[in-house]
């Protein structure tokens, strides 16, 4: 199953680098999946390596700096997604639970990263009204985050289940 995590990371990296709608990414899904299905530190390390590698590639492709004002907020939100997967989905394959946690992961990513935009960038006044304005301006991007997460997260969990079932069936046949 570790190979699925590596395969998922490669696919997630490719999907993050190729042209796509803003915020439509497999990173949210991979981070929730990693938390739920990978053991130990690798659950946290895998999404971080993916983010670092693709941030570097994207900075080279588009000619902007890799370390932007909100990078710590983005990485924090990714790590929270891993924790949501780890603590809320570790022992379940129920699609309703996975969908609920995926929605929660998308919302927390939206809240944390846009808080970072408001705090770290001079786009909005540092007032309650400015924070509200920042969140309102980000709503069109949220739809892509949510759709991406709701597409990629269940695919990773379903792929994991299919491969685990196939592996179990092969073991049973080997011992028969």
N, C-alpha and C. Protein backbone atom coordinates (compact mmCIF):
# COMPACT_ATOMS: atom_id res chain seq x y z
N UNK A 1 0.81 -1.20 0.00
CA UNK A 1 0.00 0.00 0.00
C UNK A 1 0.85 1.27 0.00
N UNK A 2 2.10 1.12 0.44
CA UNK A 2 3.01 2.28 0.41
C UNK A 2 3.20 2.76 -1.02
N UNK A 3 3.21 1.80 -1.99
CA UNK A 3 3.36 2.17 -3.39
C UNK A 3 2.21 3.04 -3.88
N UNK A 4 1.01 2.81 -3.34
CA UNK A 4 -0.12 3.65 -3.71
C UNK A 4 0.12 5.08 -3.28
N UNK A 5 0.68 5.27 -2.10
CA UNK A 5 1.00 6.62 -1.63
C UNK A 5 2.00 7.30 -2.54
N UNK A 6 3.02 6.55 -2.97
CA UNK A 6 4.02 7.11 -3.88
C UNK A 6 3.40 7.39 -5.24
N UNK A 7 2.63 6.46 -5.76
CA UNK A 7 1.94 6.65 -7.04
C UNK A 7 1.00 7.85 -6.95
N UNK A 8 0.24 7.92 -5.87
CA UNK A 8 -0.68 9.05 -5.67
C UNK A 8 0.06 10.38 -5.62
N UNK A 9 1.25 10.38 -5.01
CA UNK A 9 2.05 11.60 -4.93
C UNK A 9 2.53 12.04 -6.30
N UNK A 10 2.97 11.09 -7.10
CA UNK A 10 3.43 11.42 -8.46
C UNK A 10 2.28 11.98 -9.28
N UNK A 11 1.13 11.33 -9.21
CA UNK A 11 -0.04 11.82 -9.95
C UNK A 11 -0.45 13.20 -9.44
N UNK A 12 -0.47 13.36 -8.12
CA UNK A 12 -0.83 14.66 -7.53
C UNK A 12 0.13 15.74 -7.99
N UNK A 13 1.42 15.42 -8.04
CA UNK A 13 2.41 16.40 -8.49
C UNK A 13 2.16 16.79 -9.95
N UNK A 14 1.93 15.79 -10.79
CA UNK A 14 1.66 16.09 -12.20
C UNK A 14 0.41 16.94 -12.36
N UNK A 15 -0.63 16.60 -11.61
CA UNK A 15 -1.88 17.36 -11.72
C UNK A 15 -1.73 18.78 -11.20
N UNK A 16 -0.82 18.99 -10.27
CA UNK A 16 -0.62 20.34 -9.74
C UNK A 16 0.19 21.21 -10.70
N UNK A 17 1.03 20.59 -11.52
CA UNK A 17 1.91 21.34 -12.41
C UNK A 17 1.25 21.63 -13.75
N UNK A 18 0.42 20.70 -14.25
CA UNK A 18 -0.23 20.94 -15.55
C UNK A 18 -1.32 22.01 -15.38
N UNK A 19 -1.65 22.72 -16.47
CA UNK A 19 -2.69 23.76 -16.35
C UNK A 19 -4.01 23.19 -15.84
N UNK A 20 -4.63 23.93 -14.92
CA UNK A 20 -5.89 23.53 -14.32
C UNK A 20 -6.58 24.77 -13.76
N UNK A 21 -7.87 24.68 -13.46
CA UNK A 21 -8.54 25.83 -12.84
C UNK A 21 -7.87 26.19 -11.51
N UNK A 22 -7.90 27.44 -11.12
CA UNK A 22 -7.25 27.85 -9.87
C UNK A 22 -7.81 27.06 -8.68
N UNK A 23 -6.90 26.53 -7.87
CA UNK A 23 -7.22 25.78 -6.64
C UNK A 23 -7.84 24.41 -6.89
N UNK A 24 -8.01 23.99 -8.12
CA UNK A 24 -8.49 22.63 -8.41
C UNK A 24 -7.26 21.74 -8.39
N UNK A 25 -7.08 21.04 -7.28
CA UNK A 25 -5.84 20.32 -7.06
C UNK A 25 -6.11 19.01 -6.33
N UNK A 26 -5.17 18.10 -6.48
CA UNK A 26 -5.27 16.82 -5.80
C UNK A 26 -4.55 16.83 -4.44
N UNK A 27 -3.95 17.96 -4.08
CA UNK A 27 -3.17 18.03 -2.85
C UNK A 27 -4.05 17.82 -1.61
N UNK A 28 -5.22 18.42 -1.58
CA UNK A 28 -6.12 18.24 -0.44
C UNK A 28 -6.50 16.78 -0.26
N UNK A 29 -6.86 16.14 -1.36
CA UNK A 29 -7.22 14.73 -1.30
C UNK A 29 -6.07 13.85 -0.86
N UNK A 30 -4.89 14.13 -1.40
CA UNK A 30 -3.72 13.34 -1.02
C UNK A 30 -3.37 13.52 0.45
N UNK A 31 -3.51 14.74 0.95
CA UNK A 31 -3.16 14.96 2.36
C UNK A 31 -4.15 14.27 3.30
N UNK A 32 -5.43 14.30 2.99
CA UNK A 32 -6.42 13.59 3.81
C UNK A 32 -6.18 12.08 3.72
N UNK A 33 -5.98 11.58 2.51
CA UNK A 33 -5.71 10.16 2.31
C UNK A 33 -4.45 9.73 3.06
N UNK A 34 -3.38 10.53 2.94
CA UNK A 34 -2.11 10.18 3.61
C UNK A 34 -2.31 10.04 5.11
N UNK A 35 -3.05 10.99 5.68
CA UNK A 35 -3.30 10.91 7.12
C UNK A 35 -4.05 9.66 7.51
N UNK A 36 -5.01 9.27 6.68
CA UNK A 36 -5.85 8.13 7.01
C UNK A 36 -5.19 6.78 6.75
N UNK A 37 -4.32 6.71 5.75
CA UNK A 37 -3.84 5.40 5.33
C UNK A 37 -2.33 5.17 5.46
N UNK A 38 -1.54 6.20 5.58
CA UNK A 38 -0.10 6.00 5.71
C UNK A 38 0.29 6.00 7.18
N UNK A 39 1.29 5.23 7.50
CA UNK A 39 1.72 5.09 8.90
C UNK A 39 2.83 6.08 9.23
N UNK A 40 2.87 6.47 10.49
CA UNK A 40 3.97 7.27 11.01
C UNK A 40 4.14 8.62 10.35
N UNK A 41 5.39 9.03 10.32
CA UNK A 41 5.73 10.36 9.80
C UNK A 41 5.51 10.48 8.30
N UNK A 42 5.50 9.36 7.59
CA UNK A 42 5.34 9.43 6.13
C UNK A 42 4.02 10.08 5.74
N UNK A 43 3.01 9.97 6.60
CA UNK A 43 1.72 10.61 6.32
C UNK A 43 1.87 12.13 6.22
N UNK A 44 2.78 12.69 6.99
CA UNK A 44 3.02 14.13 6.99
C UNK A 44 4.08 14.52 5.97
N UNK A 45 5.09 13.67 5.83
CA UNK A 45 6.21 13.99 4.96
C UNK A 45 5.82 13.97 3.49
N UNK A 46 5.02 12.99 3.09
CA UNK A 46 4.64 12.84 1.69
C UNK A 46 3.97 14.10 1.12
N UNK A 47 2.92 14.63 1.75
CA UNK A 47 2.31 15.85 1.20
C UNK A 47 3.26 17.05 1.23
N UNK A 48 4.12 17.14 2.25
CA UNK A 48 5.06 18.26 2.32
C UNK A 48 6.09 18.19 1.19
N UNK A 49 6.59 16.99 0.92
CA UNK A 49 7.54 16.83 -0.19
C UNK A 49 6.86 17.18 -1.51
N UNK A 50 5.62 16.71 -1.68
CA UNK A 50 4.86 17.05 -2.88
C UNK A 50 4.73 18.56 -3.03
N UNK A 51 4.36 19.23 -1.96
CA UNK A 51 4.19 20.68 -2.01
C UNK A 51 5.51 21.38 -2.32
N UNK A 52 6.58 21.00 -1.65
CA UNK A 52 7.88 21.64 -1.89
C UNK A 52 8.35 21.42 -3.33
N UNK A 53 8.24 20.20 -3.80
CA UNK A 53 8.70 19.90 -5.17
C UNK A 53 7.88 20.66 -6.21
N UNK A 54 6.56 20.65 -6.05
CA UNK A 54 5.74 21.32 -7.05
C UNK A 54 5.78 22.84 -6.89
N UNK A 55 5.94 23.34 -5.67
CA UNK A 55 6.14 24.79 -5.52
C UNK A 55 7.41 25.23 -6.24
N UNK A 56 8.47 24.43 -6.13
CA UNK A 56 9.71 24.75 -6.82
C UNK A 56 9.49 24.73 -8.33
N UNK A 57 8.86 23.66 -8.85
CA UNK A 57 8.60 23.59 -10.29
C UNK A 57 7.74 24.75 -10.78
N UNK A 58 6.67 25.03 -10.04
CA UNK A 58 5.78 26.13 -10.44
C UNK A 58 6.50 27.47 -10.41
N UNK A 59 7.39 27.67 -9.44
CA UNK A 59 8.13 28.93 -9.38
C UNK A 59 9.06 29.06 -10.58
N UNK A 60 9.63 27.94 -11.02
CA UNK A 60 10.51 27.97 -12.19
C UNK A 60 9.72 28.18 -13.48
N UNK A 61 8.58 27.52 -13.59
CA UNK A 61 7.76 27.63 -14.79
C UNK A 61 7.19 29.04 -14.94
N UNK A 62 6.70 29.60 -13.85
CA UNK A 62 5.99 30.88 -13.91
C UNK A 62 6.86 32.07 -13.52
N UNK A 63 8.07 31.82 -13.06
CA UNK A 63 9.00 32.89 -12.77
C UNK A 63 8.69 33.71 -11.53
N UNK A 64 8.06 33.10 -10.53
CA UNK A 64 7.83 33.81 -9.27
C UNK A 64 8.58 33.12 -8.15
N UNK A 65 8.71 33.81 -7.04
CA UNK A 65 9.43 33.24 -5.90
C UNK A 65 8.69 32.06 -5.30
N UNK A 66 9.46 31.09 -4.86
CA UNK A 66 8.87 29.88 -4.27
C UNK A 66 8.27 30.17 -2.89
N UNK A 67 8.91 31.04 -2.13
CA UNK A 67 8.47 31.31 -0.77
C UNK A 67 7.69 32.63 -0.75
N UNK A 68 6.37 32.51 -0.82
CA UNK A 68 5.50 33.69 -0.83
C UNK A 68 5.02 34.00 0.58
N UNK A 69 4.32 35.09 0.72
CA UNK A 69 3.90 35.58 2.04
C UNK A 69 3.03 34.60 2.81
N UNK A 70 2.26 33.80 2.10
CA UNK A 70 1.28 32.94 2.78
C UNK A 70 1.69 31.46 2.81
N UNK A 71 2.91 31.16 2.45
CA UNK A 71 3.32 29.76 2.32
C UNK A 71 3.15 28.98 3.63
N UNK A 72 3.46 29.60 4.76
CA UNK A 72 3.31 28.87 6.03
C UNK A 72 1.85 28.54 6.32
N UNK A 73 0.94 29.41 5.92
CA UNK A 73 -0.49 29.15 6.12
C UNK A 73 -0.94 27.99 5.23
N UNK A 74 -0.45 27.96 4.00
CA UNK A 74 -0.80 26.88 3.07
C UNK A 74 -0.30 25.54 3.60
N UNK A 75 0.96 25.50 4.01
CA UNK A 75 1.53 24.25 4.51
C UNK A 75 0.87 23.81 5.82
N UNK A 76 0.54 24.76 6.67
CA UNK A 76 -0.19 24.44 7.91
C UNK A 76 -1.54 23.81 7.57
N UNK A 77 -2.26 24.38 6.61
CA UNK A 77 -3.56 23.84 6.22
C UNK A 77 -3.42 22.43 5.65
N UNK A 78 -2.36 22.17 4.89
CA UNK A 78 -2.12 20.82 4.36
C UNK A 78 -1.88 19.84 5.51
N UNK A 79 -1.08 20.25 6.49
CA UNK A 79 -0.81 19.37 7.64
C UNK A 79 -2.07 19.13 8.47
N UNK A 80 -2.93 20.12 8.59
CA UNK A 80 -4.21 19.92 9.28
C UNK A 80 -5.06 18.90 8.53
N UNK A 81 -5.02 18.94 7.19
CA UNK A 81 -5.73 17.93 6.40
C UNK A 81 -5.22 16.52 6.74
N UNK A 82 -3.91 16.39 6.87
CA UNK A 82 -3.34 15.09 7.24
C UNK A 82 -3.90 14.66 8.60
N UNK A 83 -3.93 15.59 9.56
CA UNK A 83 -4.45 15.24 10.89
C UNK A 83 -5.93 14.90 10.84
N UNK A 84 -6.71 15.58 10.01
CA UNK A 84 -8.13 15.24 9.88
C UNK A 84 -8.28 13.81 9.36
N UNK A 85 -7.48 13.46 8.37
CA UNK A 85 -7.51 12.08 7.85
C UNK A 85 -7.09 11.08 8.92
N UNK A 86 -6.03 11.41 9.64
CA UNK A 86 -5.49 10.50 10.66
C UNK A 86 -6.49 10.26 11.79
N UNK A 87 -7.10 11.31 12.29
CA UNK A 87 -7.94 11.17 13.49
C UNK A 87 -9.41 10.92 13.19
N UNK A 88 -9.85 11.21 11.97
CA UNK A 88 -11.28 11.03 11.68
C UNK A 88 -11.57 9.92 10.67
N UNK A 89 -10.55 9.47 9.93
CA UNK A 89 -10.81 8.47 8.89
C UNK A 89 -9.92 7.23 8.98
N UNK A 90 -9.11 7.13 10.01
CA UNK A 90 -8.14 6.04 10.12
C UNK A 90 -8.79 4.67 9.99
N UNK A 91 -9.95 4.46 10.58
CA UNK A 91 -10.55 3.13 10.63
C UNK A 91 -11.86 3.02 9.87
N UNK A 92 -12.00 3.79 8.80
CA UNK A 92 -13.26 3.71 8.08
C UNK A 92 -13.05 3.74 6.57
N UNK A 93 -13.97 3.11 5.87
CA UNK A 93 -14.05 3.16 4.41
C UNK A 93 -15.38 3.76 3.98
N UNK A 94 -16.15 4.27 4.93
CA UNK A 94 -17.48 4.80 4.65
C UNK A 94 -17.37 6.09 3.83
N UNK A 95 -17.96 6.07 2.65
CA UNK A 95 -17.87 7.22 1.75
C UNK A 95 -18.52 8.47 2.34
N UNK A 96 -19.56 8.31 3.13
CA UNK A 96 -20.20 9.48 3.74
C UNK A 96 -19.23 10.14 4.73
N UNK A 97 -18.52 9.34 5.50
CA UNK A 97 -17.51 9.88 6.43
C UNK A 97 -16.38 10.56 5.66
N UNK A 98 -15.92 9.90 4.61
CA UNK A 98 -14.84 10.47 3.79
C UNK A 98 -15.29 11.79 3.17
N UNK A 99 -16.51 11.84 2.66
CA UNK A 99 -17.03 13.08 2.06
C UNK A 99 -17.14 14.19 3.11
N UNK A 100 -17.61 13.83 4.31
CA UNK A 100 -17.74 14.83 5.37
C UNK A 100 -16.40 15.41 5.79
N UNK A 101 -15.40 14.55 5.95
CA UNK A 101 -14.07 15.02 6.33
C UNK A 101 -13.44 15.81 5.18
N UNK A 102 -13.70 15.39 3.97
CA UNK A 102 -13.20 16.12 2.81
C UNK A 102 -13.77 17.54 2.78
N UNK A 103 -15.06 17.67 3.04
CA UNK A 103 -15.68 19.00 3.09
C UNK A 103 -15.04 19.83 4.21
N UNK A 104 -14.88 19.23 5.37
CA UNK A 104 -14.24 19.91 6.50
C UNK A 104 -12.82 20.35 6.13
N UNK A 105 -12.07 19.49 5.45
CA UNK A 105 -10.70 19.81 5.03
C UNK A 105 -10.69 20.99 4.07
N UNK A 106 -11.63 21.02 3.14
CA UNK A 106 -11.72 22.13 2.19
C UNK A 106 -12.03 23.44 2.90
N UNK A 107 -12.96 23.38 3.85
CA UNK A 107 -13.35 24.59 4.58
C UNK A 107 -12.19 25.11 5.43
N UNK A 108 -11.51 24.22 6.14
CA UNK A 108 -10.41 24.70 6.98
C UNK A 108 -9.28 25.25 6.11
N UNK A 109 -9.04 24.66 4.95
CA UNK A 109 -8.01 25.17 4.03
C UNK A 109 -8.38 26.59 3.59
N UNK A 110 -9.63 26.79 3.24
CA UNK A 110 -10.13 28.10 2.83
C UNK A 110 -9.95 29.13 3.95
N UNK A 111 -10.36 28.75 5.15
CA UNK A 111 -10.29 29.69 6.29
C UNK A 111 -8.83 30.05 6.61
N UNK A 112 -7.98 29.06 6.70
CA UNK A 112 -6.59 29.31 7.12
C UNK A 112 -5.80 30.05 6.04
N UNK A 113 -5.91 29.62 4.79
CA UNK A 113 -5.11 30.27 3.75
C UNK A 113 -5.57 31.69 3.48
N UNK A 114 -6.86 31.93 3.56
CA UNK A 114 -7.33 33.30 3.33
C UNK A 114 -7.08 34.20 4.54
N UNK A 115 -7.04 33.62 5.73
CA UNK A 115 -6.59 34.37 6.89
C UNK A 115 -5.15 34.83 6.65
N UNK A 116 -4.34 33.94 6.08
CA UNK A 116 -2.96 34.27 5.74
C UNK A 116 -2.88 35.40 4.72
N UNK A 117 -3.73 35.36 3.72
CA UNK A 117 -3.76 36.44 2.73
C UNK A 117 -4.08 37.76 3.42
N UNK A 118 -5.09 37.76 4.26
CA UNK A 118 -5.50 38.97 4.96
C UNK A 118 -4.40 39.48 5.89
N UNK A 119 -3.74 38.58 6.61
CA UNK A 119 -2.72 38.98 7.58
C UNK A 119 -1.42 39.43 6.93
N UNK A 120 -1.01 38.73 5.86
CA UNK A 120 0.35 38.90 5.34
C UNK A 120 0.46 39.78 4.09
N UNK A 121 -0.64 40.03 3.44
CA UNK A 121 -0.58 40.80 2.19
C UNK A 121 -1.34 42.12 2.36
N UNK A 122 -0.92 43.15 1.64
CA UNK A 122 -1.57 44.46 1.79
C UNK A 122 -2.82 44.63 0.92
N UNK A 123 -3.51 43.56 0.63
CA UNK A 123 -4.67 43.63 -0.26
C UNK A 123 -5.93 44.15 0.44
N UNK A 124 -6.04 43.91 1.72
CA UNK A 124 -7.25 44.24 2.46
C UNK A 124 -6.87 44.96 3.75
N UNK A 125 -7.72 45.87 4.20
CA UNK A 125 -7.43 46.52 5.49
C UNK A 125 -7.44 45.50 6.63
N UNK A 126 -6.61 45.71 7.61
CA UNK A 126 -6.54 44.80 8.76
C UNK A 126 -7.60 45.17 9.78
N UNK A 127 -8.83 44.99 9.33
CA UNK A 127 -10.01 45.23 10.14
C UNK A 127 -10.95 44.04 9.95
N UNK A 128 -11.99 43.99 10.75
CA UNK A 128 -12.98 42.92 10.58
C UNK A 128 -13.62 43.01 9.20
N UNK A 129 -13.90 44.22 8.77
CA UNK A 129 -14.48 44.41 7.43
C UNK A 129 -13.51 43.95 6.35
N UNK A 130 -12.21 44.21 6.53
CA UNK A 130 -11.21 43.77 5.57
C UNK A 130 -11.11 42.25 5.51
N UNK A 131 -11.20 41.60 6.68
CA UNK A 131 -11.17 40.14 6.72
C UNK A 131 -12.38 39.56 6.00
N UNK A 132 -13.54 40.13 6.25
CA UNK A 132 -14.75 39.68 5.57
C UNK A 132 -14.63 39.89 4.06
N UNK A 133 -14.09 41.03 3.66
CA UNK A 133 -13.88 41.32 2.24
C UNK A 133 -12.94 40.28 1.61
N UNK A 134 -11.90 39.91 2.34
CA UNK A 134 -10.95 38.90 1.86
C UNK A 134 -11.65 37.56 1.65
N UNK A 135 -12.43 37.14 2.63
CA UNK A 135 -13.14 35.86 2.50
C UNK A 135 -14.16 35.90 1.37
N UNK A 136 -14.87 37.00 1.23
CA UNK A 136 -15.86 37.12 0.15
C UNK A 136 -15.19 37.06 -1.22
N UNK A 137 -14.05 37.71 -1.36
CA UNK A 137 -13.33 37.70 -2.64
C UNK A 137 -12.80 36.31 -2.98
N UNK A 138 -12.58 35.48 -1.98
CA UNK A 138 -12.00 34.15 -2.20
C UNK A 138 -13.05 33.08 -2.49
N UNK A 139 -14.32 33.39 -2.33
CA UNK A 139 -15.37 32.37 -2.54
C UNK A 139 -15.30 31.72 -3.91
N UNK A 140 -15.07 32.46 -5.01
CA UNK A 140 -14.98 31.78 -6.32
C UNK A 140 -13.87 30.74 -6.37
N UNK A 141 -12.78 30.93 -5.64
CA UNK A 141 -11.70 29.96 -5.63
C UNK A 141 -12.05 28.75 -4.77
N UNK A 142 -12.88 28.97 -3.75
CA UNK A 142 -13.28 27.87 -2.87
C UNK A 142 -14.00 26.78 -3.63
N UNK A 143 -14.83 27.17 -4.60
CA UNK A 143 -15.57 26.15 -5.34
C UNK A 143 -14.61 25.16 -6.02
N UNK A 144 -13.49 25.66 -6.53
CA UNK A 144 -12.53 24.77 -7.18
C UNK A 144 -11.80 23.89 -6.16
N UNK A 145 -11.48 24.46 -5.01
CA UNK A 145 -10.87 23.66 -3.94
C UNK A 145 -11.80 22.53 -3.54
N UNK A 146 -13.05 22.86 -3.30
CA UNK A 146 -14.04 21.86 -2.87
C UNK A 146 -14.24 20.79 -3.93
N UNK A 147 -14.40 21.19 -5.18
CA UNK A 147 -14.61 20.21 -6.25
C UNK A 147 -13.39 19.31 -6.39
N UNK A 148 -12.19 19.91 -6.38
CA UNK A 148 -10.98 19.10 -6.47
C UNK A 148 -10.87 18.11 -5.33
N UNK A 149 -11.13 18.57 -4.12
CA UNK A 149 -11.05 17.68 -2.96
C UNK A 149 -12.10 16.58 -3.03
N UNK A 150 -13.31 16.93 -3.45
CA UNK A 150 -14.39 15.94 -3.51
C UNK A 150 -14.21 14.95 -4.66
N UNK A 151 -13.40 15.30 -5.65
CA UNK A 151 -13.08 14.37 -6.73
C UNK A 151 -11.91 13.47 -6.33
N UNK A 152 -10.80 14.08 -5.91
CA UNK A 152 -9.57 13.31 -5.71
C UNK A 152 -9.56 12.48 -4.43
N UNK A 153 -10.16 12.95 -3.36
CA UNK A 153 -10.12 12.20 -2.10
C UNK A 153 -10.81 10.84 -2.23
N UNK A 154 -12.06 10.79 -2.69
CA UNK A 154 -12.69 9.46 -2.81
C UNK A 154 -11.97 8.54 -3.80
N UNK A 155 -11.40 9.11 -4.85
CA UNK A 155 -10.67 8.28 -5.82
C UNK A 155 -9.50 7.59 -5.13
N UNK A 156 -8.75 8.31 -4.33
CA UNK A 156 -7.61 7.71 -3.62
C UNK A 156 -8.08 6.63 -2.64
N UNK A 157 -9.15 6.90 -1.89
CA UNK A 157 -9.66 5.90 -0.94
C UNK A 157 -10.21 4.68 -1.66
N UNK A 158 -10.91 4.89 -2.76
CA UNK A 158 -11.45 3.75 -3.53
C UNK A 158 -10.32 2.93 -4.14
N UNK A 159 -9.33 3.59 -4.69
CA UNK A 159 -8.19 2.89 -5.26
C UNK A 159 -7.47 2.07 -4.19
N UNK A 160 -7.31 2.66 -3.02
CA UNK A 160 -6.69 1.95 -1.90
C UNK A 160 -7.49 0.70 -1.55
N UNK A 161 -8.80 0.84 -1.46
CA UNK A 161 -9.67 -0.29 -1.11
C UNK A 161 -9.59 -1.39 -2.17
N UNK A 162 -9.64 -1.02 -3.43
CA UNK A 162 -9.58 -2.00 -4.51
C UNK A 162 -8.25 -2.75 -4.47
N UNK A 163 -7.16 -2.01 -4.31
CA UNK A 163 -5.85 -2.65 -4.26
C UNK A 163 -5.68 -3.52 -3.01
N UNK A 164 -6.21 -3.06 -1.88
CA UNK A 164 -6.13 -3.86 -0.65
C UNK A 164 -6.94 -5.14 -0.80
N UNK A 165 -8.15 -5.04 -1.38
CA UNK A 165 -8.97 -6.23 -1.59
C UNK A 165 -8.29 -7.20 -2.55
N UNK A 166 -7.69 -6.67 -3.60
CA UNK A 166 -7.00 -7.51 -4.58
C UNK A 166 -5.81 -8.20 -3.93
N UNK A 167 -5.07 -7.46 -3.10
CA UNK A 167 -3.92 -8.03 -2.40
C UNK A 167 -4.36 -9.14 -1.44
N UNK A 168 -5.46 -8.91 -0.72
CA UNK A 168 -5.98 -9.92 0.21
C UNK A 168 -6.42 -11.17 -0.54
N UNK A 169 -7.09 -10.99 -1.67
CA UNK A 169 -7.54 -12.13 -2.47
C UNK A 169 -6.36 -12.94 -3.00
N UNK A 170 -5.30 -12.25 -3.41
CA UNK A 170 -4.11 -12.96 -3.90
C UNK A 170 -3.43 -13.73 -2.79
N UNK A 171 -3.41 -13.17 -1.57
CA UNK A 171 -2.83 -13.89 -0.44
C UNK A 171 -3.64 -15.13 -0.12
N UNK A 172 -4.98 -15.00 -0.15
CA UNK A 172 -5.83 -16.17 0.10
C UNK A 172 -5.59 -17.26 -0.92
N UNK A 173 -5.47 -16.88 -2.18
CA UNK A 173 -5.22 -17.87 -3.23
C UNK A 173 -3.86 -18.53 -3.07
N UNK A 174 -2.86 -17.76 -2.64
CA UNK A 174 -1.52 -18.29 -2.45
C UNK A 174 -1.47 -19.33 -1.33
N UNK A 175 -2.33 -19.15 -0.31
CA UNK A 175 -2.33 -20.07 0.85
C UNK A 175 -3.33 -21.21 0.68
N UNK A 176 -4.08 -21.22 -0.40
CA UNK A 176 -5.10 -22.27 -0.60
C UNK A 176 -4.49 -23.56 -1.08
